[in-house]
Amino acid sequence: AIDGVVYKVNQIDYQTRLGFVMRA
């Protein structure tokens, strides 16, 4: 069972720059 799909920015340095907001 799946209930959707997940997208993640591929580049790790971009992930670090974007960071987090509240709980996500």
PDBML (XML) file of the C-alpha atoms, coordinates in Angstrom:
<?xml version="1.0" encoding="UTF-8" ?>
<PDBx:datablock datablockName="MODEL"
   xmlns:PDBx="http://pdbml.pdb.org/schema/pdbx-v50.xsd"
   xmlns:xsi="http://www.w3.org/2001/XMLSchema-instance"
   xsi:schemaLocation="http://pdbml.pdb.org/schema/pdbx-v50.xsd pdbx-v50.xsd">
   <PDBx:atom_siteCategory>
      <PDBx:atom_site id="1">
         <PDBx:B_iso_or_equiv>0.00</PDBx:B_iso_or_equiv>
         <PDBx:Cartn_x>0.000</PDBx:Cartn_x>
         <PDBx:Cartn_y>0.000</PDBx:Cartn_y>
         <PDBx:Cartn_z>0.000</PDBx:Cartn_z>
         <PDBx:auth_asym_id>A</PDBx:auth_asym_id>
         <PDBx:auth_atom_id>CA</PDBx:auth_atom_id>
         <PDBx:auth_comp_id>ALA</PDBx:auth_comp_id>
         <PDBx:auth_seq_id>1</PDBx:auth_seq_id>
         <PDBx:group_PDB>ATOM</PDBx:group_PDB>
         <PDBx:label_alt_id xsi:nil="true" />
         <PDBx:label_asym_id>A</PDBx:label_asym_id>
         <PDBx:label_atom_id>CA</PDBx:label_atom_id>
         <PDBx:label_comp_id>ALA</PDBx:label_comp_id>
         <PDBx:label_entity_id>1</PDBx:label_entity_id>
         <PDBx:label_seq_id>1</PDBx:label_seq_id>
         <PDBx:occupancy>1.00</PDBx:occupancy>
         <PDBx:pdbx_PDB_model_num>1</PDBx:pdbx_PDB_model_num>
         <PDBx:type_symbol>C</PDBx:type_symbol>
      </PDBx:atom_site>
      <PDBx:atom_site id="2">
         <PDBx:B_iso_or_equiv>0.00</PDBx:B_iso_or_equiv>
         <PDBx:Cartn_x>1.094</PDBx:Cartn_x>
         <PDBx:Cartn_y>3.549</PDBx:Cartn_y>
         <PDBx:Cartn_z>-0.795</PDBx:Cartn_z>
         <PDBx:auth_asym_id>A</PDBx:auth_asym_id>
         <PDBx:auth_atom_id>CA</PDBx:auth_atom_id>
         <PDBx:auth_comp_id>ILE</PDBx:auth_comp_id>
         <PDBx:auth_seq_id>2</PDBx:auth_seq_id>
         <PDBx:group_PDB>ATOM</PDBx:group_PDB>
         <PDBx:label_alt_id xsi:nil="true" />
         <PDBx:label_asym_id>A</PDBx:label_asym_id>
         <PDBx:label_atom_id>CA</PDBx:label_atom_id>
         <PDBx:label_comp_id>ILE</PDBx:label_comp_id>
         <PDBx:label_entity_id>1</PDBx:label_entity_id>
         <PDBx:label_seq_id>2</PDBx:label_seq_id>
         <PDBx:occupancy>1.00</PDBx:occupancy>
         <PDBx:pdbx_PDB_model_num>1</PDBx:pdbx_PDB_model_num>
         <PDBx:type_symbol>C</PDBx:type_symbol>
      </PDBx:atom_site>
      <PDBx:atom_site id="3">
         <PDBx:B_iso_or_equiv>0.00</PDBx:B_iso_or_equiv>
         <PDBx:Cartn_x>-0.796</PDBx:Cartn_x>
         <PDBx:Cartn_y>6.786</PDBx:Cartn_y>
         <PDBx:Cartn_z>-0.184</PDBx:Cartn_z>
         <PDBx:auth_asym_id>A</PDBx:auth_asym_id>
         <PDBx:auth_atom_id>CA</PDBx:auth_atom_id>
         <PDBx:auth_comp_id>ASP</PDBx:auth_comp_id>
         <PDBx:auth_seq_id>3</PDBx:auth_seq_id>
         <PDBx:group_PDB>ATOM</PDBx:group_PDB>
         <PDBx:label_alt_id xsi:nil="true" />
         <PDBx:label_asym_id>A</PDBx:label_asym_id>
         <PDBx:label_atom_id>CA</PDBx:label_atom_id>
         <PDBx:label_comp_id>ASP</PDBx:label_comp_id>
         <PDBx:label_entity_id>1</PDBx:label_entity_id>
         <PDBx:label_seq_id>3</PDBx:label_seq_id>
         <PDBx:occupancy>1.00</PDBx:occupancy>
         <PDBx:pdbx_PDB_model_num>1</PDBx:pdbx_PDB_model_num>
         <PDBx:type_symbol>C</PDBx:type_symbol>
      </PDBx:atom_site>
      <PDBx:atom_site id="4">
         <PDBx:B_iso_or_equiv>0.00</PDBx:B_iso_or_equiv>
         <PDBx:Cartn_x>1.179</PDBx:Cartn_x>
         <PDBx:Cartn_y>9.131</PDBx:Cartn_y>
         <PDBx:Cartn_z>-2.395</PDBx:Cartn_z>
         <PDBx:auth_asym_id>A</PDBx:auth_asym_id>
         <PDBx:auth_atom_id>CA</PDBx:auth_atom_id>
         <PDBx:auth_comp_id>GLY</PDBx:auth_comp_id>
         <PDBx:auth_seq_id>4</PDBx:auth_seq_id>
         <PDBx:group_PDB>ATOM</PDBx:group_PDB>
         <PDBx:label_alt_id xsi:nil="true" />
         <PDBx:label_asym_id>A</PDBx:label_asym_id>
         <PDBx:label_atom_id>CA</PDBx:label_atom_id>
         <PDBx:label_comp_id>GLY</PDBx:label_comp_id>
         <PDBx:label_entity_id>1</PDBx:label_entity_id>
         <PDBx:label_seq_id>4</PDBx:label_seq_id>
         <PDBx:occupancy>1.00</PDBx:occupancy>
         <PDBx:pdbx_PDB_model_num>1</PDBx:pdbx_PDB_model_num>
         <PDBx:type_symbol>C</PDBx:type_symbol>
      </PDBx:atom_site>
      <PDBx:atom_site id="5">
         <PDBx:B_iso_or_equiv>0.00</PDBx:B_iso_or_equiv>
         <PDBx:Cartn_x>4.683</PDBx:Cartn_x>
         <PDBx:Cartn_y>9.954</PDBx:Cartn_y>
         <PDBx:Cartn_z>-3.582</PDBx:Cartn_z>
         <PDBx:auth_asym_id>A</PDBx:auth_asym_id>
         <PDBx:auth_atom_id>CA</PDBx:auth_atom_id>
         <PDBx:auth_comp_id>VAL</PDBx:auth_comp_id>
         <PDBx:auth_seq_id>5</PDBx:auth_seq_id>
         <PDBx:group_PDB>ATOM</PDBx:group_PDB>
         <PDBx:label_alt_id xsi:nil="true" />
         <PDBx:label_asym_id>A</PDBx:label_asym_id>
         <PDBx:label_atom_id>CA</PDBx:label_atom_id>
         <PDBx:label_comp_id>VAL</PDBx:label_comp_id>
         <PDBx:label_entity_id>1</PDBx:label_entity_id>
         <PDBx:label_seq_id>5</PDBx:label_seq_id>
         <PDBx:occupancy>1.00</PDBx:occupancy>
         <PDBx:pdbx_PDB_model_num>1</PDBx:pdbx_PDB_model_num>
         <PDBx:type_symbol>C</PDBx:type_symbol>
      </PDBx:atom_site>
      <PDBx:atom_site id="6">
         <PDBx:B_iso_or_equiv>0.00</PDBx:B_iso_or_equiv>
         <PDBx:Cartn_x>7.574</PDBx:Cartn_x>
         <PDBx:Cartn_y>11.867</PDBx:Cartn_y>
         <PDBx:Cartn_z>-2.006</PDBx:Cartn_z>
         <PDBx:auth_asym_id>A</PDBx:auth_asym_id>
         <PDBx:auth_atom_id>CA</PDBx:auth_atom_id>
         <PDBx:auth_comp_id>VAL</PDBx:auth_comp_id>
         <PDBx:auth_seq_id>6</PDBx:auth_seq_id>
         <PDBx:group_PDB>ATOM</PDBx:group_PDB>
         <PDBx:label_alt_id xsi:nil="true" />
         <PDBx:label_asym_id>A</PDBx:label_asym_id>
         <PDBx:label_atom_id>CA</PDBx:label_atom_id>
         <PDBx:label_comp_id>VAL</PDBx:label_comp_id>
         <PDBx:label_entity_id>1</PDBx:label_entity_id>
         <PDBx:label_seq_id>6</PDBx:label_seq_id>
         <PDBx:occupancy>1.00</PDBx:occupancy>
         <PDBx:pdbx_PDB_model_num>1</PDBx:pdbx_PDB_model_num>
         <PDBx:type_symbol>C</PDBx:type_symbol>
      </PDBx:atom_site>
      <PDBx:atom_site id="7">
         <PDBx:B_iso_or_equiv>0.00</PDBx:B_iso_or_equiv>
         <PDBx:Cartn_x>9.848</PDBx:Cartn_x>
         <PDBx:Cartn_y>14.435</PDBx:Cartn_y>
         <PDBx:Cartn_z>-3.652</PDBx:Cartn_z>
         <PDBx:auth_asym_id>A</PDBx:auth_asym_id>
         <PDBx:auth_atom_id>CA</PDBx:auth_atom_id>
         <PDBx:auth_comp_id>TYR</PDBx:auth_comp_id>
         <PDBx:auth_seq_id>7</PDBx:auth_seq_id>
         <PDBx:group_PDB>ATOM</PDBx:group_PDB>
         <PDBx:label_alt_id xsi:nil="true" />
         <PDBx:label_asym_id>A</PDBx:label_asym_id>
         <PDBx:label_atom_id>CA</PDBx:label_atom_id>
         <PDBx:label_comp_id>TYR</PDBx:label_comp_id>
         <PDBx:label_entity_id>1</PDBx:label_entity_id>
         <PDBx:label_seq_id>7</PDBx:label_seq_id>
         <PDBx:occupancy>1.00</PDBx:occupancy>
         <PDBx:pdbx_PDB_model_num>1</PDBx:pdbx_PDB_model_num>
         <PDBx:type_symbol>C</PDBx:type_symbol>
      </PDBx:atom_site>
      <PDBx:atom_site id="8">
         <PDBx:B_iso_or_equiv>0.00</PDBx:B_iso_or_equiv>
         <PDBx:Cartn_x>13.276</PDBx:Cartn_x>
         <PDBx:Cartn_y>15.382</PDBx:Cartn_y>
         <PDBx:Cartn_z>-2.306</PDBx:Cartn_z>
         <PDBx:auth_asym_id>A</PDBx:auth_asym_id>
         <PDBx:auth_atom_id>CA</PDBx:auth_atom_id>
         <PDBx:auth_comp_id>LYS</PDBx:auth_comp_id>
         <PDBx:auth_seq_id>8</PDBx:auth_seq_id>
         <PDBx:group_PDB>ATOM</PDBx:group_PDB>
         <PDBx:label_alt_id xsi:nil="true" />
         <PDBx:label_asym_id>A</PDBx:label_asym_id>
         <PDBx:label_atom_id>CA</PDBx:label_atom_id>
         <PDBx:label_comp_id>LYS</PDBx:label_comp_id>
         <PDBx:label_entity_id>1</PDBx:label_entity_id>
         <PDBx:label_seq_id>8</PDBx:label_seq_id>
         <PDBx:occupancy>1.00</PDBx:occupancy>
         <PDBx:pdbx_PDB_model_num>1</PDBx:pdbx_PDB_model_num>
         <PDBx:type_symbol>C</PDBx:type_symbol>
      </PDBx:atom_site>
      <PDBx:atom_site id="9">
         <PDBx:B_iso_or_equiv>0.00</PDBx:B_iso_or_equiv>
         <PDBx:Cartn_x>15.754</PDBx:Cartn_x>
         <PDBx:Cartn_y>17.884</PDBx:Cartn_y>
         <PDBx:Cartn_z>-3.698</PDBx:Cartn_z>
         <PDBx:auth_asym_id>A</PDBx:auth_asym_id>
         <PDBx:auth_atom_id>CA</PDBx:auth_atom_id>
         <PDBx:auth_comp_id>VAL</PDBx:auth_comp_id>
         <PDBx:auth_seq_id>9</PDBx:auth_seq_id>
         <PDBx:group_PDB>ATOM</PDBx:group_PDB>
         <PDBx:label_alt_id xsi:nil="true" />
         <PDBx:label_asym_id>A</PDBx:label_asym_id>
         <PDBx:label_atom_id>CA</PDBx:label_atom_id>
         <PDBx:label_comp_id>VAL</PDBx:label_comp_id>
         <PDBx:label_entity_id>1</PDBx:label_entity_id>
         <PDBx:label_seq_id>9</PDBx:label_seq_id>
         <PDBx:occupancy>1.00</PDBx:occupancy>
         <PDBx:pdbx_PDB_model_num>1</PDBx:pdbx_PDB_model_num>
         <PDBx:type_symbol>C</PDBx:type_symbol>
      </PDBx:atom_site>
      <PDBx:atom_site id="10">
         <PDBx:B_iso_or_equiv>0.00</PDBx:B_iso_or_equiv>
         <PDBx:Cartn_x>18.628</PDBx:Cartn_x>
         <PDBx:Cartn_y>15.709</PDBx:Cartn_y>
         <PDBx:Cartn_z>-4.907</PDBx:Cartn_z>
         <PDBx:auth_asym_id>A</PDBx:auth_asym_id>
         <PDBx:auth_atom_id>CA</PDBx:auth_atom_id>
         <PDBx:auth_comp_id>ASN</PDBx:auth_comp_id>
         <PDBx:auth_seq_id>10</PDBx:auth_seq_id>
         <PDBx:group_PDB>ATOM</PDBx:group_PDB>
         <PDBx:label_alt_id xsi:nil="true" />
         <PDBx:label_asym_id>A</PDBx:label_asym_id>
         <PDBx:label_atom_id>CA</PDBx:label_atom_id>
         <PDBx:label_comp_id>ASN</PDBx:label_comp_id>
         <PDBx:label_entity_id>1</PDBx:label_entity_id>
         <PDBx:label_seq_id>10</PDBx:label_seq_id>
         <PDBx:occupancy>1.00</PDBx:occupancy>
         <PDBx:pdbx_PDB_model_num>1</PDBx:pdbx_PDB_model_num>
         <PDBx:type_symbol>C</PDBx:type_symbol>
      </PDBx:atom_site>
      <PDBx:atom_site id="11">
         <PDBx:B_iso_or_equiv>0.00</PDBx:B_iso_or_equiv>
         <PDBx:Cartn_x>21.608</PDBx:Cartn_x>
         <PDBx:Cartn_y>17.937</PDBx:Cartn_y>
         <PDBx:Cartn_z>-4.091</PDBx:Cartn_z>
         <PDBx:auth_asym_id>A</PDBx:auth_asym_id>
         <PDBx:auth_atom_id>CA</PDBx:auth_atom_id>
         <PDBx:auth_comp_id>GLN</PDBx:auth_comp_id>
         <PDBx:auth_seq_id>11</PDBx:auth_seq_id>
         <PDBx:group_PDB>ATOM</PDBx:group_PDB>
         <PDBx:label_alt_id xsi:nil="true" />
         <PDBx:label_asym_id>A</PDBx:label_asym_id>
         <PDBx:label_atom_id>CA</PDBx:label_atom_id>
         <PDBx:label_comp_id>GLN</PDBx:label_comp_id>
         <PDBx:label_entity_id>1</PDBx:label_entity_id>
         <PDBx:label_seq_id>11</PDBx:label_seq_id>
         <PDBx:occupancy>1.00</PDBx:occupancy>
         <PDBx:pdbx_PDB_model_num>1</PDBx:pdbx_PDB_model_num>
         <PDBx:type_symbol>C</PDBx:type_symbol>
      </PDBx:atom_site>
      <PDBx:atom_site id="12">
         <PDBx:B_iso_or_equiv>0.00</PDBx:B_iso_or_equiv>
         <PDBx:Cartn_x>22.609</PDBx:Cartn_x>
         <PDBx:Cartn_y>17.650</PDBx:Cartn_y>
         <PDBx:Cartn_z>-0.419</PDBx:Cartn_z>
         <PDBx:auth_asym_id>A</PDBx:auth_asym_id>
         <PDBx:auth_atom_id>CA</PDBx:auth_atom_id>
         <PDBx:auth_comp_id>ILE</PDBx:auth_comp_id>
         <PDBx:auth_seq_id>12</PDBx:auth_seq_id>
         <PDBx:group_PDB>ATOM</PDBx:group_PDB>
         <PDBx:label_alt_id xsi:nil="true" />
         <PDBx:label_asym_id>A</PDBx:label_asym_id>
         <PDBx:label_atom_id>CA</PDBx:label_atom_id>
         <PDBx:label_comp_id>ILE</PDBx:label_comp_id>
         <PDBx:label_entity_id>1</PDBx:label_entity_id>
         <PDBx:label_seq_id>12</PDBx:label_seq_id>
         <PDBx:occupancy>1.00</PDBx:occupancy>
         <PDBx:pdbx_PDB_model_num>1</PDBx:pdbx_PDB_model_num>
         <PDBx:type_symbol>C</PDBx:type_symbol>
      </PDBx:atom_site>
      <PDBx:atom_site id="13">
         <PDBx:B_iso_or_equiv>0.00</PDBx:B_iso_or_equiv>
         <PDBx:Cartn_x>24.072</PDBx:Cartn_x>
         <PDBx:Cartn_y>21.181</PDBx:Cartn_y>
         <PDBx:Cartn_z>-0.232</PDBx:Cartn_z>
         <PDBx:auth_asym_id>A</PDBx:auth_asym_id>
         <PDBx:auth_atom_id>CA</PDBx:auth_atom_id>
         <PDBx:auth_comp_id>ASP</PDBx:auth_comp_id>
         <PDBx:auth_seq_id>13</PDBx:auth_seq_id>
         <PDBx:group_PDB>ATOM</PDBx:group_PDB>
         <PDBx:label_alt_id xsi:nil="true" />
         <PDBx:label_asym_id>A</PDBx:label_asym_id>
         <PDBx:label_atom_id>CA</PDBx:label_atom_id>
         <PDBx:label_comp_id>ASP</PDBx:label_comp_id>
         <PDBx:label_entity_id>1</PDBx:label_entity_id>
         <PDBx:label_seq_id>13</PDBx:label_seq_id>
         <PDBx:occupancy>1.00</PDBx:occupancy>
         <PDBx:pdbx_PDB_model_num>1</PDBx:pdbx_PDB_model_num>
         <PDBx:type_symbol>C</PDBx:type_symbol>
      </PDBx:atom_site>
      <PDBx:atom_site id="14">
         <PDBx:B_iso_or_equiv>0.00</PDBx:B_iso_or_equiv>
         <PDBx:Cartn_x>20.724</PDBx:Cartn_x>
         <PDBx:Cartn_y>22.565</PDBx:Cartn_y>
         <PDBx:Cartn_z>-1.453</PDBx:Cartn_z>
         <PDBx:auth_asym_id>A</PDBx:auth_asym_id>
         <PDBx:auth_atom_id>CA</PDBx:auth_atom_id>
         <PDBx:auth_comp_id>TYR</PDBx:auth_comp_id>
         <PDBx:auth_seq_id>14</PDBx:auth_seq_id>
         <PDBx:group_PDB>ATOM</PDBx:group_PDB>
         <PDBx:label_alt_id xsi:nil="true" />
         <PDBx:label_asym_id>A</PDBx:label_asym_id>
         <PDBx:label_atom_id>CA</PDBx:label_atom_id>
         <PDBx:label_comp_id>TYR</PDBx:label_comp_id>
         <PDBx:label_entity_id>1</PDBx:label_entity_id>
         <PDBx:label_seq_id>14</PDBx:label_seq_id>
         <PDBx:occupancy>1.00</PDBx:occupancy>
         <PDBx:pdbx_PDB_model_num>1</PDBx:pdbx_PDB_model_num>
         <PDBx:type_symbol>C</PDBx:type_symbol>
      </PDBx:atom_site>
      <PDBx:atom_site id="15">
         <PDBx:B_iso_or_equiv>0.00</PDBx:B_iso_or_equiv>
         <PDBx:Cartn_x>18.946</PDBx:Cartn_x>
         <PDBx:Cartn_y>20.499</PDBx:Cartn_y>
         <PDBx:Cartn_z>1.216</PDBx:Cartn_z>
         <PDBx:auth_asym_id>A</PDBx:auth_asym_id>
         <PDBx:auth_atom_id>CA</PDBx:auth_atom_id>
         <PDBx:auth_comp_id>GLN</PDBx:auth_comp_id>
         <PDBx:auth_seq_id>15</PDBx:auth_seq_id>
         <PDBx:group_PDB>ATOM</PDBx:group_PDB>
         <PDBx:label_alt_id xsi:nil="true" />
         <PDBx:label_asym_id>A</PDBx:label_asym_id>
         <PDBx:label_atom_id>CA</PDBx:label_atom_id>
         <PDBx:label_comp_id>GLN</PDBx:label_comp_id>
         <PDBx:label_entity_id>1</PDBx:label_entity_id>
         <PDBx:label_seq_id>15</PDBx:label_seq_id>
         <PDBx:occupancy>1.00</PDBx:occupancy>
         <PDBx:pdbx_PDB_model_num>1</PDBx:pdbx_PDB_model_num>
         <PDBx:type_symbol>C</PDBx:type_symbol>
      </PDBx:atom_site>
      <PDBx:atom_site id="16">
         <PDBx:B_iso_or_equiv>0.00</PDBx:B_iso_or_equiv>
         <PDBx:Cartn_x>21.225</PDBx:Cartn_x>
         <PDBx:Cartn_y>22.036</PDBx:Cartn_y>
         <PDBx:Cartn_z>3.847</PDBx:Cartn_z>
         <PDBx:auth_asym_id>A</PDBx:auth_asym_id>
         <PDBx:auth_atom_id>CA</PDBx:auth_atom_id>
         <PDBx:auth_comp_id>THR</PDBx:auth_comp_id>
         <PDBx:auth_seq_id>16</PDBx:auth_seq_id>
         <PDBx:group_PDB>ATOM</PDBx:group_PDB>
         <PDBx:label_alt_id xsi:nil="true" />
         <PDBx:label_asym_id>A</PDBx:label_asym_id>
         <PDBx:label_atom_id>CA</PDBx:label_atom_id>
         <PDBx:label_comp_id>THR</PDBx:label_comp_id>
         <PDBx:label_entity_id>1</PDBx:label_entity_id>
         <PDBx:label_seq_id>16</PDBx:label_seq_id>
         <PDBx:occupancy>1.00</PDBx:occupancy>
         <PDBx:pdbx_PDB_model_num>1</PDBx:pdbx_PDB_model_num>
         <PDBx:type_symbol>C</PDBx:type_symbol>
      </PDBx:atom_site>
      <PDBx:atom_site id="17">
         <PDBx:B_iso_or_equiv>0.00</PDBx:B_iso_or_equiv>
         <PDBx:Cartn_x>20.581</PDBx:Cartn_x>
         <PDBx:Cartn_y>25.562</PDBx:Cartn_y>
         <PDBx:Cartn_z>2.604</PDBx:Cartn_z>
         <PDBx:auth_asym_id>A</PDBx:auth_asym_id>
         <PDBx:auth_atom_id>CA</PDBx:auth_atom_id>
         <PDBx:auth_comp_id>ARG</PDBx:auth_comp_id>
         <PDBx:auth_seq_id>17</PDBx:auth_seq_id>
         <PDBx:group_PDB>ATOM</PDBx:group_PDB>
         <PDBx:label_alt_id xsi:nil="true" />
         <PDBx:label_asym_id>A</PDBx:label_asym_id>
         <PDBx:label_atom_id>CA</PDBx:label_atom_id>
         <PDBx:label_comp_id>ARG</PDBx:label_comp_id>
         <PDBx:label_entity_id>1</PDBx:label_entity_id>
         <PDBx:label_seq_id>17</PDBx:label_seq_id>
         <PDBx:occupancy>1.00</PDBx:occupancy>
         <PDBx:pdbx_PDB_model_num>1</PDBx:pdbx_PDB_model_num>
         <PDBx:type_symbol>C</PDBx:type_symbol>
      </PDBx:atom_site>
      <PDBx:atom_site id="18">
         <PDBx:B_iso_or_equiv>0.00</PDBx:B_iso_or_equiv>
         <PDBx:Cartn_x>16.806</PDBx:Cartn_x>
         <PDBx:Cartn_y>25.077</PDBx:Cartn_y>
         <PDBx:Cartn_z>2.566</PDBx:Cartn_z>
         <PDBx:auth_asym_id>A</PDBx:auth_asym_id>
         <PDBx:auth_atom_id>CA</PDBx:auth_atom_id>
         <PDBx:auth_comp_id>LEU</PDBx:auth_comp_id>
         <PDBx:auth_seq_id>18</PDBx:auth_seq_id>
         <PDBx:group_PDB>ATOM</PDBx:group_PDB>
         <PDBx:label_alt_id xsi:nil="true" />
         <PDBx:label_asym_id>A</PDBx:label_asym_id>
         <PDBx:label_atom_id>CA</PDBx:label_atom_id>
         <PDBx:label_comp_id>LEU</PDBx:label_comp_id>
         <PDBx:label_entity_id>1</PDBx:label_entity_id>
         <PDBx:label_seq_id>18</PDBx:label_seq_id>
         <PDBx:occupancy>1.00</PDBx:occupancy>
         <PDBx:pdbx_PDB_model_num>1</PDBx:pdbx_PDB_model_num>
         <PDBx:type_symbol>C</PDBx:type_symbol>
      </PDBx:atom_site>
      <PDBx:atom_site id="19">
         <PDBx:B_iso_or_equiv>0.00</PDBx:B_iso_or_equiv>
         <PDBx:Cartn_x>16.770</PDBx:Cartn_x>
         <PDBx:Cartn_y>23.576</PDBx:Cartn_y>
         <PDBx:Cartn_z>6.051</PDBx:Cartn_z>
         <PDBx:auth_asym_id>A</PDBx:auth_asym_id>
         <PDBx:auth_atom_id>CA</PDBx:auth_atom_id>
         <PDBx:auth_comp_id>GLY</PDBx:auth_comp_id>
         <PDBx:auth_seq_id>19</PDBx:auth_seq_id>
         <PDBx:group_PDB>ATOM</PDBx:group_PDB>
         <PDBx:label_alt_id xsi:nil="true" />
         <PDBx:label_asym_id>A</PDBx:label_asym_id>
         <PDBx:label_atom_id>CA</PDBx:label_atom_id>
         <PDBx:label_comp_id>GLY</PDBx:label_comp_id>
         <PDBx:label_entity_id>1</PDBx:label_entity_id>
         <PDBx:label_seq_id>19</PDBx:label_seq_id>
         <PDBx:occupancy>1.00</PDBx:occupancy>
         <PDBx:pdbx_PDB_model_num>1</PDBx:pdbx_PDB_model_num>
         <PDBx:type_symbol>C</PDBx:type_symbol>
      </PDBx:atom_site>
      <PDBx:atom_site id="20">
         <PDBx:B_iso_or_equiv>0.00</PDBx:B_iso_or_equiv>
         <PDBx:Cartn_x>13.576</PDBx:Cartn_x>
         <PDBx:Cartn_y>23.072</PDBx:Cartn_y>
         <PDBx:Cartn_z>8.051</PDBx:Cartn_z>
         <PDBx:auth_asym_id>A</PDBx:auth_asym_id>
         <PDBx:auth_atom_id>CA</PDBx:auth_atom_id>
         <PDBx:auth_comp_id>PHE</PDBx:auth_comp_id>
         <PDBx:auth_seq_id>20</PDBx:auth_seq_id>
         <PDBx:group_PDB>ATOM</PDBx:group_PDB>
         <PDBx:label_alt_id xsi:nil="true" />
         <PDBx:label_asym_id>A</PDBx:label_asym_id>
         <PDBx:label_atom_id>CA</PDBx:label_atom_id>
         <PDBx:label_comp_id>PHE</PDBx:label_comp_id>
         <PDBx:label_entity_id>1</PDBx:label_entity_id>
         <PDBx:label_seq_id>20</PDBx:label_seq_id>
         <PDBx:occupancy>1.00</PDBx:occupancy>
         <PDBx:pdbx_PDB_model_num>1</PDBx:pdbx_PDB_model_num>
         <PDBx:type_symbol>C</PDBx:type_symbol>
      </PDBx:atom_site>
      <PDBx:atom_site id="21">
         <PDBx:B_iso_or_equiv>0.00</PDBx:B_iso_or_equiv>
         <PDBx:Cartn_x>10.497</PDBx:Cartn_x>
         <PDBx:Cartn_y>25.007</PDBx:Cartn_y>
         <PDBx:Cartn_z>9.058</PDBx:Cartn_z>
         <PDBx:auth_asym_id>A</PDBx:auth_asym_id>
         <PDBx:auth_atom_id>CA</PDBx:auth_atom_id>
         <PDBx:auth_comp_id>VAL</PDBx:auth_comp_id>
         <PDBx:auth_seq_id>21</PDBx:auth_seq_id>
         <PDBx:group_PDB>ATOM</PDBx:group_PDB>
         <PDBx:label_alt_id xsi:nil="true" />
         <PDBx:label_asym_id>A</PDBx:label_asym_id>
         <PDBx:label_atom_id>CA</PDBx:label_atom_id>
         <PDBx:label_comp_id>VAL</PDBx:label_comp_id>
         <PDBx:label_entity_id>1</PDBx:label_entity_id>
         <PDBx:label_seq_id>21</PDBx:label_seq_id>
         <PDBx:occupancy>1.00</PDBx:occupancy>
         <PDBx:pdbx_PDB_model_num>1</PDBx:pdbx_PDB_model_num>
         <PDBx:type_symbol>C</PDBx:type_symbol>
      </PDBx:atom_site>
      <PDBx:atom_site id="22">
         <PDBx:B_iso_or_equiv>0.00</PDBx:B_iso_or_equiv>
         <PDBx:Cartn_x>8.427</PDBx:Cartn_x>
         <PDBx:Cartn_y>24.118</PDBx:Cartn_y>
         <PDBx:Cartn_z>12.118</PDBx:Cartn_z>
         <PDBx:auth_asym_id>A</PDBx:auth_asym_id>
         <PDBx:auth_atom_id>CA</PDBx:auth_atom_id>
         <PDBx:auth_comp_id>MET</PDBx:auth_comp_id>
         <PDBx:auth_seq_id>22</PDBx:auth_seq_id>
         <PDBx:group_PDB>ATOM</PDBx:group_PDB>
         <PDBx:label_alt_id xsi:nil="true" />
         <PDBx:label_asym_id>A</PDBx:label_asym_id>
         <PDBx:label_atom_id>CA</PDBx:label_atom_id>
         <PDBx:label_comp_id>MET</PDBx:label_comp_id>
         <PDBx:label_entity_id>1</PDBx:label_entity_id>
         <PDBx:label_seq_id>22</PDBx:label_seq_id>
         <PDBx:occupancy>1.00</PDBx:occupancy>
         <PDBx:pdbx_PDB_model_num>1</PDBx:pdbx_PDB_model_num>
         <PDBx:type_symbol>C</PDBx:type_symbol>
      </PDBx:atom_site>
      <PDBx:atom_site id="23">
         <PDBx:B_iso_or_equiv>0.00</PDBx:B_iso_or_equiv>
         <PDBx:Cartn_x>8.012</PDBx:Cartn_x>
         <PDBx:Cartn_y>20.334</PDBx:Cartn_y>
         <PDBx:Cartn_z>11.989</PDBx:Cartn_z>
         <PDBx:auth_asym_id>A</PDBx:auth_asym_id>
         <PDBx:auth_atom_id>CA</PDBx:auth_atom_id>
         <PDBx:auth_comp_id>ARG</PDBx:auth_comp_id>
         <PDBx:auth_seq_id>23</PDBx:auth_seq_id>
         <PDBx:group_PDB>ATOM</PDBx:group_PDB>
         <PDBx:label_alt_id xsi:nil="true" />
         <PDBx:label_asym_id>A</PDBx:label_asym_id>
         <PDBx:label_atom_id>CA</PDBx:label_atom_id>
         <PDBx:label_comp_id>ARG</PDBx:label_comp_id>
         <PDBx:label_entity_id>1</PDBx:label_entity_id>
         <PDBx:label_seq_id>23</PDBx:label_seq_id>
         <PDBx:occupancy>1.00</PDBx:occupancy>
         <PDBx:pdbx_PDB_model_num>1</PDBx:pdbx_PDB_model_num>
         <PDBx:type_symbol>C</PDBx:type_symbol>
      </PDBx:atom_site>
      <PDBx:atom_site id="24">
         <PDBx:B_iso_or_equiv>0.00</PDBx:B_iso_or_equiv>
         <PDBx:Cartn_x>9.025</PDBx:Cartn_x>
         <PDBx:Cartn_y>19.614</PDBx:Cartn_y>
         <PDBx:Cartn_z>8.378</PDBx:Cartn_z>
         <PDBx:auth_asym_id>A</PDBx:auth_asym_id>
         <PDBx:auth_atom_id>CA</PDBx:auth_atom_id>
         <PDBx:auth_comp_id>ALA</PDBx:auth_comp_id>
         <PDBx:auth_seq_id>24</PDBx:auth_seq_id>
         <PDBx:group_PDB>ATOM</PDBx:group_PDB>
         <PDBx:label_alt_id xsi:nil="true" />
         <PDBx:label_asym_id>A</PDBx:label_asym_id>
         <PDBx:label_atom_id>CA</PDBx:label_atom_id>
         <PDBx:label_comp_id>ALA</PDBx:label_comp_id>
         <PDBx:label_entity_id>1</PDBx:label_entity_id>
         <PDBx:label_seq_id>24</PDBx:label_seq_id>
         <PDBx:occupancy>1.00</PDBx:occupancy>
         <PDBx:pdbx_PDB_model_num>1</PDBx:pdbx_PDB_model_num>
         <PDBx:type_symbol>C</PDBx:type_symbol>
      </PDBx:atom_site>
   </PDBx:atom_siteCategory>
</PDBx:datablock>
